[in-house]
Amino acid sequence: MLIEREDLSVLMVAVAKGDRLAFKHLYDRTSARLLGIVRRIVRDRPLAEEVLQEVYLRIWERAGTYRTEAGTALSWMISIARHRAIDVLRQRKEIVLAPLEDGEDWLERVAGPGDGETDLEDRDRLRHCLQRLEEPQRSCILLAYCDGYSRDELATRYEAPVNTIKTWLHRGLAVLRSCLEAP
């Protein structure tokens, strides 16, 4: 079912005014999609359903802060769902990925709040695929392609030969490509 952007924005305005029927329609039109996004992050259906309830509570409480000029209602809702799911994982300490050296979580680098809904979906998929890589291969790829580190800089940072860095990058990109191309 195609979700009309204007229709969701109208529903969001009504929800901001406390319209429970509009909230029900908003939920009916978006819950399956948001549940899918949350499930990809938390990977546990009962937990994902619990997170989804919290997401809709936040949507109800914060509907008045939504601004159409900042993006579509759906992308705003996806952002809330994504951030809540990540928060739940952090609280449960299920993320086994270490923060980057500067303290930034690599998940935050994958998608930002200003991204469009299509970009968010693509980046959710990329994040999922990045989780398949082991350290230091994952951080090596992120430093190379997000921060522009050269192979020589990476070799110095990881105290490894340049050829090892090239192998990590080559094999890691191959894993990402096959994961991203999978149906």
N, C-alpha and C. Protein backbone atom coordinates (compact mmCIF):
# COMPACT_ATOMS: atom_id res chain seq x y z
N MET A 1 0.84 -1.18 0.00
CA MET A 1 0.00 0.00 0.00
C MET A 1 0.89 1.24 0.00
N LEU A 2 0.63 2.12 -0.91
CA LEU A 2 1.39 3.36 -1.02
C LEU A 2 0.93 4.33 0.07
N ILE A 3 1.88 4.84 0.79
CA ILE A 3 1.57 5.79 1.85
C ILE A 3 1.73 7.18 1.28
N GLU A 4 0.64 7.93 1.25
CA GLU A 4 0.66 9.28 0.69
C GLU A 4 1.30 10.24 1.69
N ARG A 5 2.31 10.98 1.22
CA ARG A 5 3.03 11.91 2.09
C ARG A 5 2.12 13.01 2.65
N GLU A 6 1.32 13.60 1.77
CA GLU A 6 0.45 14.69 2.20
C GLU A 6 -0.56 14.18 3.23
N ASP A 7 -1.09 13.00 2.98
CA ASP A 7 -2.08 12.41 3.87
C ASP A 7 -1.49 12.20 5.26
N LEU A 8 -0.26 11.69 5.33
CA LEU A 8 0.38 11.48 6.62
C LEU A 8 0.65 12.80 7.32
N SER A 9 1.02 13.82 6.57
CA SER A 9 1.25 15.13 7.17
C SER A 9 -0.03 15.69 7.75
N VAL A 10 -1.14 15.51 7.04
CA VAL A 10 -2.44 15.96 7.53
C VAL A 10 -2.80 15.20 8.81
N LEU A 11 -2.59 13.89 8.79
CA LEU A 11 -2.86 13.09 9.98
C LEU A 11 -1.99 13.54 11.15
N MET A 12 -0.73 13.85 10.88
CA MET A 12 0.19 14.27 11.93
C MET A 12 -0.27 15.58 12.56
N VAL A 13 -0.76 16.50 11.75
CA VAL A 13 -1.28 17.77 12.27
C VAL A 13 -2.48 17.50 13.17
N ALA A 14 -3.36 16.59 12.75
CA ALA A 14 -4.53 16.25 13.55
C ALA A 14 -4.11 15.57 14.85
N VAL A 15 -3.11 14.70 14.79
CA VAL A 15 -2.61 14.03 15.99
C VAL A 15 -2.05 15.06 16.97
N ALA A 16 -1.35 16.05 16.44
CA ALA A 16 -0.79 17.11 17.30
C ALA A 16 -1.90 17.85 18.06
N LYS A 17 -3.10 17.85 17.50
CA LYS A 17 -4.24 18.50 18.15
C LYS A 17 -5.00 17.54 19.06
N GLY A 18 -4.50 16.31 19.22
CA GLY A 18 -5.11 15.35 20.12
C GLY A 18 -6.18 14.48 19.49
N ASP A 19 -6.24 14.42 18.17
CA ASP A 19 -7.25 13.63 17.46
C ASP A 19 -6.88 12.14 17.51
N ARG A 20 -7.60 11.37 18.32
CA ARG A 20 -7.31 9.95 18.50
C ARG A 20 -7.62 9.13 17.26
N LEU A 21 -8.66 9.50 16.51
CA LEU A 21 -8.99 8.77 15.29
C LEU A 21 -7.88 8.96 14.24
N ALA A 22 -7.36 10.16 14.14
CA ALA A 22 -6.24 10.42 13.22
C ALA A 22 -5.03 9.58 13.63
N PHE A 23 -4.80 9.47 14.94
CA PHE A 23 -3.69 8.66 15.44
C PHE A 23 -3.87 7.20 15.06
N LYS A 24 -5.10 6.71 15.17
CA LYS A 24 -5.39 5.33 14.78
C LYS A 24 -5.09 5.12 13.30
N HIS A 25 -5.52 6.07 12.46
CA HIS A 25 -5.25 5.96 11.01
C HIS A 25 -3.75 6.03 10.73
N LEU A 26 -3.06 6.90 11.44
CA LEU A 26 -1.60 7.02 11.28
C LEU A 26 -0.94 5.69 11.65
N TYR A 27 -1.37 5.12 12.75
CA TYR A 27 -0.83 3.83 13.19
C TYR A 27 -1.11 2.74 12.15
N ASP A 28 -2.34 2.67 11.68
CA ASP A 28 -2.73 1.65 10.71
C ASP A 28 -1.89 1.74 9.44
N ARG A 29 -1.57 2.94 9.02
CA ARG A 29 -0.84 3.13 7.77
C ARG A 29 0.67 2.97 7.89
N THR A 30 1.20 3.09 9.09
CA THR A 30 2.66 3.11 9.22
C THR A 30 3.25 2.03 10.11
N SER A 31 2.45 1.37 10.91
CA SER A 31 2.99 0.45 11.92
C SER A 31 3.77 -0.72 11.33
N ALA A 32 3.30 -1.28 10.22
CA ALA A 32 4.01 -2.42 9.63
C ALA A 32 5.41 -2.00 9.18
N ARG A 33 5.50 -0.84 8.59
CA ARG A 33 6.79 -0.36 8.11
C ARG A 33 7.73 -0.06 9.27
N LEU A 34 7.22 0.62 10.28
CA LEU A 34 8.06 0.94 11.43
C LEU A 34 8.48 -0.32 12.18
N LEU A 35 7.58 -1.29 12.29
CA LEU A 35 7.93 -2.55 12.94
C LEU A 35 9.08 -3.23 12.18
N GLY A 36 9.03 -3.20 10.87
CA GLY A 36 10.11 -3.79 10.06
C GLY A 36 11.45 -3.13 10.33
N ILE A 37 11.44 -1.82 10.44
CA ILE A 37 12.68 -1.08 10.71
C ILE A 37 13.21 -1.43 12.10
N VAL A 38 12.32 -1.44 13.08
CA VAL A 38 12.73 -1.76 14.45
C VAL A 38 13.23 -3.20 14.54
N ARG A 39 12.55 -4.13 13.87
CA ARG A 39 12.98 -5.54 13.91
C ARG A 39 14.36 -5.74 13.31
N ARG A 40 14.68 -4.98 12.25
CA ARG A 40 16.02 -5.10 11.66
C ARG A 40 17.09 -4.68 12.65
N ILE A 41 16.74 -3.79 13.56
CA ILE A 41 17.73 -3.30 14.52
C ILE A 41 17.80 -4.20 15.75
N VAL A 42 16.65 -4.52 16.36
CA VAL A 42 16.68 -5.29 17.61
C VAL A 42 16.65 -6.80 17.39
N ARG A 43 16.18 -7.25 16.23
CA ARG A 43 16.21 -8.66 15.82
C ARG A 43 15.42 -9.61 16.71
N ASP A 44 14.50 -9.10 17.48
CA ASP A 44 13.70 -9.94 18.36
C ASP A 44 12.28 -9.41 18.29
N ARG A 45 11.36 -10.22 17.77
CA ARG A 45 10.01 -9.72 17.52
C ARG A 45 9.30 -9.20 18.77
N PRO A 46 9.28 -9.95 19.88
CA PRO A 46 8.60 -9.40 21.06
C PRO A 46 9.21 -8.07 21.52
N LEU A 47 10.53 -7.99 21.50
CA LEU A 47 11.18 -6.74 21.88
C LEU A 47 10.84 -5.63 20.88
N ALA A 48 10.82 -5.97 19.60
CA ALA A 48 10.50 -4.99 18.56
C ALA A 48 9.08 -4.46 18.75
N GLU A 49 8.15 -5.33 19.11
CA GLU A 49 6.77 -4.89 19.33
C GLU A 49 6.68 -3.97 20.54
N GLU A 50 7.46 -4.27 21.56
CA GLU A 50 7.51 -3.41 22.74
C GLU A 50 8.09 -2.03 22.38
N VAL A 51 9.16 -2.04 21.62
CA VAL A 51 9.77 -0.78 21.17
C VAL A 51 8.79 0.01 20.32
N LEU A 52 8.06 -0.68 19.46
CA LEU A 52 7.09 0.00 18.59
C LEU A 52 6.03 0.72 19.42
N GLN A 53 5.59 0.11 20.51
CA GLN A 53 4.62 0.78 21.39
C GLN A 53 5.21 2.08 21.95
N GLU A 54 6.47 2.02 22.37
CA GLU A 54 7.14 3.21 22.88
C GLU A 54 7.28 4.27 21.80
N VAL A 55 7.54 3.82 20.58
CA VAL A 55 7.69 4.74 19.45
C VAL A 55 6.38 5.50 19.23
N TYR A 56 5.28 4.78 19.21
CA TYR A 56 3.99 5.46 18.98
C TYR A 56 3.59 6.34 20.16
N LEU A 57 4.00 6.01 21.35
CA LEU A 57 3.77 6.89 22.48
C LEU A 57 4.53 8.20 22.26
N ARG A 58 5.77 8.09 21.83
CA ARG A 58 6.58 9.29 21.55
C ARG A 58 5.98 10.10 20.40
N ILE A 59 5.50 9.41 19.38
CA ILE A 59 4.88 10.12 18.25
C ILE A 59 3.66 10.90 18.76
N TRP A 60 2.84 10.26 19.58
CA TRP A 60 1.65 10.92 20.14
C TRP A 60 2.06 12.15 20.96
N GLU A 61 3.06 11.97 21.80
CA GLU A 61 3.50 13.07 22.68
C GLU A 61 4.20 14.19 21.93
N ARG A 62 4.89 13.87 20.87
CA ARG A 62 5.72 14.86 20.17
C ARG A 62 5.19 15.29 18.82
N ALA A 63 4.00 14.90 18.48
CA ALA A 63 3.44 15.23 17.16
C ALA A 63 3.47 16.73 16.90
N GLY A 64 3.30 17.52 17.93
CA GLY A 64 3.32 18.97 17.78
C GLY A 64 4.67 19.53 17.38
N THR A 65 5.74 18.74 17.53
CA THR A 65 7.07 19.22 17.15
C THR A 65 7.41 18.92 15.69
N TYR A 66 6.57 18.10 15.03
CA TYR A 66 6.82 17.76 13.62
C TYR A 66 6.63 19.00 12.75
N ARG A 67 7.56 19.24 11.84
CA ARG A 67 7.50 20.36 10.90
C ARG A 67 7.64 19.83 9.48
N THR A 68 6.67 20.15 8.64
CA THR A 68 6.68 19.64 7.26
C THR A 68 7.92 20.08 6.49
N GLU A 69 8.44 21.26 6.79
CA GLU A 69 9.61 21.75 6.07
C GLU A 69 10.88 20.95 6.40
N ALA A 70 10.86 20.20 7.47
CA ALA A 70 12.02 19.40 7.86
C ALA A 70 12.05 18.04 7.17
N GLY A 71 10.95 17.64 6.56
CA GLY A 71 10.89 16.33 5.88
C GLY A 71 9.49 15.76 5.97
N THR A 72 9.35 14.57 5.44
CA THR A 72 8.04 13.93 5.44
C THR A 72 7.70 13.41 6.84
N ALA A 73 6.42 13.23 7.07
CA ALA A 73 5.98 12.69 8.36
C ALA A 73 6.56 11.29 8.56
N LEU A 74 6.59 10.51 7.49
CA LEU A 74 7.11 9.16 7.60
C LEU A 74 8.60 9.16 7.95
N SER A 75 9.38 10.03 7.35
CA SER A 75 10.81 10.05 7.68
C SER A 75 11.02 10.50 9.12
N TRP A 76 10.17 11.40 9.61
CA TRP A 76 10.23 11.84 11.01
C TRP A 76 9.93 10.66 11.92
N MET A 77 8.92 9.89 11.59
CA MET A 77 8.53 8.72 12.38
C MET A 77 9.62 7.64 12.33
N ILE A 78 10.20 7.43 11.16
CA ILE A 78 11.27 6.44 11.00
C ILE A 78 12.46 6.83 11.88
N SER A 79 12.75 8.11 11.93
CA SER A 79 13.86 8.58 12.75
C SER A 79 13.61 8.28 14.23
N ILE A 80 12.38 8.52 14.69
CA ILE A 80 12.03 8.22 16.08
C ILE A 80 12.18 6.72 16.34
N ALA A 81 11.67 5.90 15.43
CA ALA A 81 11.73 4.45 15.60
C ALA A 81 13.18 3.95 15.62
N ARG A 82 13.95 4.44 14.70
CA ARG A 82 15.35 4.03 14.60
C ARG A 82 16.12 4.40 15.86
N HIS A 83 15.96 5.64 16.31
CA HIS A 83 16.69 6.08 17.50
C HIS A 83 16.24 5.32 18.75
N ARG A 84 14.96 5.06 18.87
CA ARG A 84 14.47 4.33 20.05
C ARG A 84 15.00 2.90 20.05
N ALA A 85 15.01 2.25 18.89
CA ALA A 85 15.51 0.88 18.80
C ALA A 85 17.00 0.82 19.17
N ILE A 86 17.77 1.78 18.69
CA ILE A 86 19.19 1.83 19.01
C ILE A 86 19.38 2.07 20.51
N ASP A 87 18.56 2.98 21.08
CA ASP A 87 18.64 3.23 22.52
C ASP A 87 18.37 1.97 23.33
N VAL A 88 17.37 1.20 22.90
CA VAL A 88 17.04 -0.04 23.61
C VAL A 88 18.21 -1.01 23.55
N LEU A 89 18.84 -1.13 22.40
CA LEU A 89 20.00 -2.01 22.30
C LEU A 89 21.13 -1.55 23.21
N ARG A 90 21.35 -0.26 23.25
CA ARG A 90 22.41 0.26 24.12
C ARG A 90 22.10 -0.03 25.58
N GLN A 91 20.84 0.16 25.96
CA GLN A 91 20.46 -0.09 27.34
C GLN A 91 20.63 -1.56 27.70
N ARG A 92 20.32 -2.44 26.77
CA ARG A 92 20.43 -3.88 27.01
C ARG A 92 21.85 -4.38 26.80
N LYS A 93 22.72 -3.49 26.37
CA LYS A 93 24.13 -3.81 26.12
C LYS A 93 24.28 -4.94 25.13
N GLU A 94 23.40 -4.98 24.13
CA GLU A 94 23.49 -6.02 23.12
C GLU A 94 24.36 -5.60 21.94
N ILE A 95 24.70 -4.35 21.87
CA ILE A 95 25.59 -3.92 20.80
C ILE A 95 26.99 -4.32 21.19
N VAL A 96 27.59 -5.15 20.37
CA VAL A 96 28.92 -5.63 20.68
C VAL A 96 29.97 -4.81 19.94
N LEU A 97 29.54 -3.76 19.28
CA LEU A 97 30.43 -2.92 18.50
C LEU A 97 31.00 -1.82 19.38
N ALA A 98 32.28 -1.72 19.40
CA ALA A 98 32.93 -0.69 20.22
C ALA A 98 32.76 0.68 19.56
N PRO A 99 32.67 1.74 20.37
CA PRO A 99 32.60 3.07 19.79
C PRO A 99 33.91 3.37 19.05
N LEU A 100 33.84 4.32 18.16
CA LEU A 100 35.04 4.74 17.45
C LEU A 100 35.98 5.42 18.43
N GLU A 101 37.21 5.63 18.00
CA GLU A 101 38.22 6.20 18.88
C GLU A 101 37.81 7.55 19.45
N ASP A 102 37.08 8.35 18.66
CA ASP A 102 36.66 9.67 19.14
C ASP A 102 35.42 9.59 20.02
N GLY A 103 34.96 8.36 20.34
CA GLY A 103 33.81 8.18 21.21
C GLY A 103 32.48 8.13 20.47
N GLU A 104 32.49 8.46 19.19
CA GLU A 104 31.25 8.45 18.41
C GLU A 104 30.85 7.02 18.09
N ASP A 105 29.58 6.75 18.18
CA ASP A 105 29.04 5.44 17.85
C ASP A 105 29.00 5.32 16.33
N TRP A 106 29.53 4.25 15.78
CA TRP A 106 29.56 4.12 14.32
C TRP A 106 28.16 4.05 13.75
N LEU A 107 27.16 3.60 14.53
CA LEU A 107 25.78 3.57 14.05
C LEU A 107 25.28 4.97 13.71
N GLU A 108 25.71 5.96 14.49
CA GLU A 108 25.26 7.32 14.24
C GLU A 108 25.85 7.87 12.94
N ARG A 109 26.99 7.35 12.54
CA ARG A 109 27.59 7.79 11.30
C ARG A 109 26.85 7.29 10.08
N VAL A 110 26.16 6.17 10.24
CA VAL A 110 25.49 5.54 9.11
C VAL A 110 24.30 6.36 8.64
N ALA A 111 23.52 6.93 9.53
CA ALA A 111 22.35 7.73 9.14
C ALA A 111 22.16 8.88 10.09
N GLY A 112 21.85 10.03 9.51
CA GLY A 112 21.60 11.21 10.31
C GLY A 112 20.13 11.60 10.24
N PRO A 113 19.70 12.47 11.14
CA PRO A 113 18.29 12.84 11.21
C PRO A 113 17.79 13.59 9.99
N GLY A 114 18.66 14.19 9.19
CA GLY A 114 18.22 14.94 8.02
C GLY A 114 18.08 14.09 6.77
N ASP A 115 18.32 12.81 6.87
CA ASP A 115 18.24 11.94 5.70
C ASP A 115 16.79 11.68 5.32
N GLY A 116 16.57 11.47 4.03
CA GLY A 116 15.24 11.14 3.55
C GLY A 116 14.88 9.71 3.91
N GLU A 117 13.59 9.36 3.77
CA GLU A 117 13.17 8.02 4.20
C GLU A 117 13.83 6.93 3.37
N THR A 118 14.04 7.18 2.08
CA THR A 118 14.70 6.17 1.25
C THR A 118 16.14 6.01 1.69
N ASP A 119 16.82 7.13 1.97
CA ASP A 119 18.19 7.06 2.46
C ASP A 119 18.25 6.32 3.79
N LEU A 120 17.27 6.56 4.65
CA LEU A 120 17.26 5.87 5.95
C LEU A 120 17.12 4.37 5.78
N GLU A 121 16.24 3.96 4.87
CA GLU A 121 16.06 2.53 4.63
C GLU A 121 17.34 1.91 4.07
N ASP A 122 17.97 2.61 3.12
CA ASP A 122 19.22 2.12 2.55
C ASP A 122 20.30 2.05 3.62
N ARG A 123 20.35 3.05 4.46
CA ARG A 123 21.38 3.07 5.50
C ARG A 123 21.09 2.05 6.59
N ASP A 124 19.81 1.79 6.88
CA ASP A 124 19.48 0.71 7.83
C ASP A 124 20.00 -0.61 7.30
N ARG A 125 19.83 -0.81 6.01
CA ARG A 125 20.32 -2.05 5.39
C ARG A 125 21.85 -2.10 5.44
N LEU A 126 22.49 -0.96 5.17
CA LEU A 126 23.95 -0.90 5.23
C LEU A 126 24.42 -1.17 6.65
N ARG A 127 23.75 -0.60 7.64
CA ARG A 127 24.13 -0.83 9.03
C ARG A 127 24.04 -2.32 9.35
N HIS A 128 22.95 -2.94 8.90
CA HIS A 128 22.77 -4.38 9.12
C HIS A 128 23.95 -5.15 8.51
N CYS A 129 24.32 -4.79 7.30
CA CYS A 129 25.42 -5.49 6.62
C CYS A 129 26.76 -5.21 7.30
N LEU A 130 26.96 -3.99 7.78
CA LEU A 130 28.20 -3.67 8.48
C LEU A 130 28.35 -4.51 9.75
N GLN A 131 27.25 -4.86 10.38
CA GLN A 131 27.30 -5.67 11.59
C GLN A 131 27.84 -7.07 11.32
N ARG A 132 27.80 -7.49 10.07
CA ARG A 132 28.34 -8.82 9.72
C ARG A 132 29.86 -8.85 9.70
N LEU A 133 30.47 -7.68 9.59
CA LEU A 133 31.93 -7.61 9.55
C LEU A 133 32.50 -7.63 10.96
N GLU A 134 33.67 -8.21 11.08
CA GLU A 134 34.33 -8.24 12.38
C GLU A 134 35.32 -7.09 12.45
N GLU A 135 35.63 -6.73 13.68
CA GLU A 135 36.67 -5.73 13.91
C GLU A 135 38.02 -6.35 13.61
N PRO A 136 39.00 -5.66 13.16
CA PRO A 136 39.03 -4.24 12.84
C PRO A 136 38.57 -3.93 11.41
N GLN A 137 38.13 -4.95 10.69
CA GLN A 137 37.72 -4.76 9.30
C GLN A 137 36.62 -3.71 9.17
N ARG A 138 35.62 -3.77 10.03
CA ARG A 138 34.50 -2.82 9.98
C ARG A 138 34.99 -1.39 10.20
N SER A 139 35.75 -1.17 11.27
CA SER A 139 36.21 0.18 11.56
C SER A 139 37.17 0.67 10.49
N CYS A 140 37.93 -0.23 9.92
CA CYS A 140 38.84 0.12 8.83
C CYS A 140 38.05 0.65 7.62
N ILE A 141 36.98 -0.03 7.27
CA ILE A 141 36.13 0.40 6.15
C ILE A 141 35.48 1.74 6.47
N LEU A 142 34.97 1.90 7.69
CA LEU A 142 34.34 3.16 8.07
C LEU A 142 35.33 4.32 8.04
N LEU A 143 36.54 4.09 8.55
CA LEU A 143 37.54 5.15 8.52
C LEU A 143 37.96 5.50 7.09
N ALA A 144 38.07 4.48 6.26
CA ALA A 144 38.48 4.73 4.87
C ALA A 144 37.40 5.46 4.08
N TYR A 145 36.16 5.02 4.21
CA TYR A 145 35.11 5.54 3.34
C TYR A 145 34.25 6.63 3.96
N CYS A 146 34.29 6.78 5.28
CA CYS A 146 33.54 7.87 5.92
C CYS A 146 34.47 9.03 6.29
N ASP A 147 35.69 8.69 6.68
CA ASP A 147 36.62 9.72 7.14
C ASP A 147 37.76 9.99 6.17
N GLY A 148 37.86 9.21 5.10
CA GLY A 148 38.86 9.47 4.08
C GLY A 148 40.28 9.05 4.42
N TYR A 149 40.45 8.13 5.36
CA TYR A 149 41.79 7.65 5.69
C TYR A 149 42.39 6.93 4.49
N SER A 150 43.67 7.14 4.26
CA SER A 150 44.37 6.41 3.20
C SER A 150 44.77 5.05 3.72
N ARG A 151 45.19 4.17 2.81
CA ARG A 151 45.64 2.84 3.23
C ARG A 151 46.88 2.94 4.12
N ASP A 152 47.76 3.88 3.79
CA ASP A 152 48.96 4.08 4.61
C ASP A 152 48.60 4.55 6.02
N GLU A 153 47.64 5.48 6.12
CA GLU A 153 47.20 5.95 7.44
C GLU A 153 46.57 4.81 8.25
N LEU A 154 45.80 3.98 7.57
CA LEU A 154 45.17 2.85 8.25
C LEU A 154 46.22 1.84 8.70
N ALA A 155 47.22 1.62 7.87
CA ALA A 155 48.29 0.69 8.23
C ALA A 155 49.01 1.17 9.49
N THR A 156 49.27 2.47 9.55
CA THR A 156 49.91 3.03 10.74
C THR A 156 49.00 2.90 11.95
N ARG A 157 47.74 3.23 11.78
CA ARG A 157 46.79 3.19 12.89
C ARG A 157 46.63 1.78 13.46
N TYR A 158 46.56 0.77 12.59
CA TYR A 158 46.35 -0.62 13.03
C TYR A 158 47.64 -1.41 13.17
N GLU A 159 48.76 -0.74 12.94
CA GLU A 159 50.06 -1.40 13.02
C GLU A 159 50.06 -2.70 12.23
N ALA A 160 49.63 -2.56 10.98
CA ALA A 160 49.54 -3.70 10.07
C ALA A 160 50.13 -3.30 8.73
N PRO A 161 50.60 -4.26 7.96
CA PRO A 161 51.12 -3.94 6.63
C PRO A 161 50.01 -3.38 5.73
N VAL A 162 50.40 -2.54 4.78
CA VAL A 162 49.45 -1.95 3.84
C VAL A 162 48.68 -3.04 3.10
N ASN A 163 49.36 -4.13 2.74
CA ASN A 163 48.69 -5.22 2.03
C ASN A 163 47.58 -5.86 2.88
N THR A 164 47.79 -5.93 4.19
CA THR A 164 46.75 -6.45 5.09
C THR A 164 45.54 -5.52 5.07
N ILE A 165 45.79 -4.22 5.12
CA ILE A 165 44.70 -3.22 5.07
C ILE A 165 43.94 -3.36 3.75
N LYS A 166 44.68 -3.50 2.65
CA LYS A 166 44.02 -3.68 1.35
C LYS A 166 43.14 -4.92 1.35
N THR A 167 43.64 -6.00 1.95
CA THR A 167 42.86 -7.24 2.02
C THR A 167 41.60 -7.04 2.86
N TRP A 168 41.74 -6.40 4.03
CA TRP A 168 40.58 -6.12 4.87
C TRP A 168 39.52 -5.33 4.11
N LEU A 169 39.99 -4.29 3.42
CA LEU A 169 39.05 -3.44 2.68
C LEU A 169 38.39 -4.23 1.54
N HIS A 170 39.19 -4.95 0.79
CA HIS A 170 38.68 -5.69 -0.36
C HIS A 170 37.65 -6.75 0.08
N ARG A 171 38.02 -7.55 1.07
CA ARG A 171 37.11 -8.61 1.54
C ARG A 171 35.88 -8.03 2.24
N GLY A 172 36.08 -6.98 3.01
CA GLY A 172 34.95 -6.34 3.68
C GLY A 172 33.95 -5.77 2.69
N LEU A 173 34.45 -5.11 1.64
CA LEU A 173 33.56 -4.56 0.61
C LEU A 173 32.83 -5.67 -0.13
N ALA A 174 33.50 -6.80 -0.34
CA ALA A 174 32.86 -7.94 -1.01
C ALA A 174 31.70 -8.46 -0.15
N VAL A 175 31.91 -8.56 1.16
CA VAL A 175 30.84 -9.00 2.06
C VAL A 175 29.68 -8.01 2.03
N LEU A 176 30.01 -6.72 2.11
CA LEU A 176 28.96 -5.70 2.06
C LEU A 176 28.18 -5.75 0.75
N ARG A 177 28.88 -5.87 -0.35
CA ARG A 177 28.21 -5.91 -1.66
C ARG A 177 27.25 -7.10 -1.74
N SER A 178 27.71 -8.28 -1.34
CA SER A 178 26.82 -9.45 -1.42
C SER A 178 25.64 -9.32 -0.47
N CYS A 179 25.86 -8.74 0.70
CA CYS A 179 24.77 -8.54 1.66
C CYS A 179 23.76 -7.52 1.12
N LEU A 180 24.25 -6.44 0.55
CA LEU A 180 23.37 -5.40 0.03
C LEU A 180 22.61 -5.83 -1.21
N GLU A 181 23.20 -6.72 -1.98
CA GLU A 181 22.53 -7.20 -3.21
C GLU A 181 21.56 -8.34 -2.95
N ALA A 182 21.63 -8.93 -1.76
CA ALA A 182 20.73 -10.03 -1.42
C ALA A 182 19.29 -9.51 -1.35
N PRO A 183 18.34 -10.34 -1.80
CA PRO A 183 16.95 -9.87 -1.79
C PRO A 183 16.36 -9.70 -0.41
